[in-house]
Amino acid sequence: MNPKFKIGDSKVLESREALDGTMIRRRRETADGRRFTTYERIEMPMPTVIKKNGNRKNFDRDKLFISVKRSVGKFFNSDLEVEEVVEKTIDRLCADGKEEVSSREIGQAVMDVLAEINDVAYVRYASVFQEFKTLEDFERILVKQKAKGK
């Protein structure tokens, strides 16, 4: 956000639903004619995350976004596509209605979403998430993904 103006100093030019209705995109303009976009998202109650070491933490949407972007962001054209992966992942996690979810379940949900969207991003994420050590690990997941595509 540009520090020279505040959202309160702007008017809404256009509003529309974005990303499967999970977010509202608003195009705004300041009094001096500068335009920018804001996104509003519906806050859902998120499950507590159980880390590998057993500690419990609040779910952090931004951390998930950064994780996905860092590992596979270059396979997408924009942050909005990464955001779509995050939204679909969160939808899957919330659909179960669990109060707690393991970090492993979160990683698997990301993999499931990526498997549907982008094969290369899926393999890349899987290689990090599942800590591939050998070429056989890559071959195994490639064969599995190719079989799904048939």
Protein backbone atom coordinates (compact mmCIF):
# COMPACT_ATOMS: atom_id res chain seq x y z
CA MET A 1 0.00 0.00 0.00
CA ASN A 2 1.28 3.43 -0.87
CA PRO A 3 1.76 5.37 2.39
CA LYS A 4 0.77 8.66 0.73
CA PHE A 5 -2.94 7.89 0.87
CA LYS A 6 -5.40 6.00 3.01
CA ILE A 7 -8.24 3.72 1.96
CA GLY A 8 -10.62 6.06 3.78
CA ASP A 9 -9.65 8.77 1.29
CA SER A 10 -10.96 6.76 -1.65
CA LYS A 11 -14.19 5.87 -3.37
CA VAL A 12 -15.23 2.51 -4.80
CA LEU A 13 -15.44 2.48 -8.58
CA GLU A 14 -16.31 -1.17 -9.07
CA SER A 15 -16.96 -4.26 -6.95
CA ARG A 16 -17.12 -7.85 -8.08
CA GLU A 17 -16.77 -11.33 -6.72
CA ALA A 18 -13.42 -12.97 -7.37
CA LEU A 19 -12.03 -16.49 -6.97
CA ASP A 20 -15.19 -18.57 -6.96
CA GLY A 21 -17.13 -16.13 -4.78
CA THR A 22 -14.76 -16.42 -1.83
CA MET A 23 -13.54 -12.85 -2.15
CA ILE A 24 -14.75 -9.43 -3.21
CA ARG A 25 -12.50 -7.33 -5.43
CA ARG A 26 -12.97 -3.58 -5.19
CA ARG A 27 -11.42 -1.10 -7.59
CA ARG A 28 -10.90 2.24 -5.80
CA GLU A 29 -9.81 5.76 -6.64
CA THR A 30 -8.35 8.48 -4.41
CA ALA A 31 -9.46 12.11 -4.60
CA ASP A 32 -6.35 12.93 -6.65
CA GLY A 33 -7.10 10.21 -9.25
CA ARG A 34 -4.80 7.36 -8.16
CA ARG A 35 -6.38 3.93 -8.51
CA PHE A 36 -5.79 0.72 -6.59
CA THR A 37 -7.48 -2.58 -5.85
CA THR A 38 -8.48 -4.10 -2.52
CA TYR A 39 -9.66 -7.63 -1.79
CA GLU A 40 -12.06 -8.59 0.97
CA ARG A 41 -12.35 -12.18 2.11
CA ILE A 42 -14.84 -13.88 4.38
CA GLU A 43 -13.14 -14.99 7.58
CA MET A 44 -13.93 -18.59 8.43
CA PRO A 45 -13.10 -20.21 11.76
CA MET A 46 -9.88 -22.08 11.11
CA PRO A 47 -8.71 -25.24 12.84
CA THR A 48 -5.70 -25.20 15.14
CA VAL A 49 -2.55 -26.58 13.50
CA ILE A 50 -0.70 -29.43 15.18
CA LYS A 51 2.96 -29.08 14.26
CA LYS A 52 5.35 -32.03 13.74
CA ASN A 53 6.76 -31.52 17.24
CA GLY A 54 3.27 -31.65 18.78
CA ASN A 55 2.96 -27.91 19.45
CA ARG A 56 -0.31 -26.26 18.54
CA LYS A 57 -0.53 -22.96 16.68
CA ASN A 58 -3.25 -20.83 15.18
CA PHE A 59 -3.70 -21.35 11.46
CA ASP A 60 -1.77 -18.68 9.55
CA ARG A 61 -3.16 -18.06 6.06
CA ASP A 62 -0.25 -15.79 5.14
CA LYS A 63 2.26 -18.48 6.10
CA LEU A 64 0.47 -20.95 3.82
CA PHE A 65 0.46 -18.41 0.97
CA ILE A 66 4.19 -17.75 1.38
CA SER A 67 4.93 -21.48 1.55
CA VAL A 68 3.02 -22.23 -1.65
CA LYS A 69 4.43 -19.19 -3.46
CA ARG A 70 8.00 -19.96 -2.44
CA SER A 71 7.83 -23.58 -3.51
CA VAL A 72 5.73 -23.40 -6.69
CA GLY A 73 4.89 -19.76 -7.39
CA LYS A 74 6.98 -19.61 -10.54
CA PHE A 75 4.64 -22.15 -12.17
CA PHE A 76 1.79 -19.63 -11.97
CA ASN A 77 1.33 -16.33 -13.78
CA SER A 78 0.24 -14.26 -10.77
CA ASP A 79 -0.25 -14.15 -7.04
CA LEU A 80 -3.98 -14.55 -7.70
CA GLU A 81 -3.35 -18.06 -8.97
CA VAL A 82 -1.34 -18.85 -5.83
CA GLU A 83 -4.21 -17.34 -3.81
CA GLU A 84 -6.59 -19.71 -5.60
CA VAL A 85 -4.48 -22.68 -4.47
CA VAL A 86 -4.57 -21.35 -0.90
CA GLU A 87 -8.36 -20.80 -1.03
CA LYS A 88 -9.03 -24.28 -2.35
CA THR A 89 -6.72 -25.76 0.27
CA ILE A 90 -8.51 -23.90 3.06
CA ASP A 91 -11.89 -24.98 1.68
CA ARG A 92 -10.76 -28.62 1.88
CA LEU A 93 -9.46 -28.21 5.41
CA CYS A 94 -12.64 -26.50 6.63
CA ALA A 95 -14.97 -28.95 4.87
CA ASP A 96 -14.12 -31.63 7.44
CA GLY A 97 -15.16 -29.37 10.31
CA LYS A 98 -12.23 -30.49 12.44
CA GLU A 99 -11.09 -28.24 15.27
CA GLU A 100 -7.48 -29.40 14.82
CA VAL A 101 -5.50 -30.38 11.76
CA SER A 102 -1.93 -31.60 11.46
CA SER A 103 0.65 -29.75 9.40
CA ARG A 104 0.92 -32.99 7.43
CA GLU A 105 -2.79 -32.78 6.51
CA ILE A 106 -2.29 -29.20 5.34
CA GLY A 107 0.61 -30.23 3.11
CA GLN A 108 -1.42 -33.10 1.69
CA ALA A 109 -4.36 -30.77 1.00
CA VAL A 110 -2.02 -28.42 -0.91
CA MET A 111 -0.71 -31.39 -2.91
CA ASP A 112 -4.26 -32.52 -3.74
CA VAL A 113 -5.15 -29.05 -5.03
CA LEU A 114 -1.93 -28.75 -7.05
CA ALA A 115 -2.46 -32.20 -8.56
CA GLU A 116 -5.69 -30.90 -10.12
CA ILE A 117 -4.25 -27.60 -11.33
CA ASN A 118 -0.62 -28.00 -12.41
CA ASP A 119 1.29 -31.28 -12.70
CA VAL A 120 4.76 -29.72 -12.52
CA ALA A 121 3.90 -27.59 -9.49
CA TYR A 122 2.45 -30.70 -7.85
CA VAL A 123 5.65 -32.71 -8.37
CA ARG A 124 7.80 -29.82 -7.18
CA TYR A 125 5.73 -29.30 -4.02
CA ALA A 126 5.61 -33.04 -3.37
CA SER A 127 9.39 -33.28 -3.65
CA VAL A 128 9.79 -30.74 -0.85
CA PHE A 129 6.83 -31.83 1.28
CA GLN A 130 7.69 -35.53 1.10
CA GLU A 131 11.44 -34.82 1.31
CA PHE A 132 12.50 -36.72 -1.82
CA LYS A 133 16.01 -38.11 -1.54
CA THR A 134 16.38 -40.23 -4.69
CA LEU A 135 15.42 -40.27 -8.35
CA GLU A 136 13.14 -43.20 -7.57
CA ASP A 137 11.07 -40.88 -5.35
CA PHE A 138 10.53 -38.61 -8.36
CA GLU A 139 9.83 -41.54 -10.68
CA ARG A 140 7.23 -42.94 -8.30
CA ILE A 141 5.24 -39.72 -8.12
CA LEU A 142 5.60 -39.04 -11.87
CA VAL A 143 4.21 -42.49 -12.71
CA LYS A 144 1.36 -41.96 -10.23
CA GLN A 145 0.50 -38.52 -11.65
CA LYS A 146 0.67 -39.72 -15.26
CA ALA A 147 -1.70 -42.60 -14.43
CA LYS A 148 -4.25 -40.11 -13.06
CA GLY A 149 -4.13 -38.12 -16.29
CA LYS A 150 -5.21 -41.06 -18.45
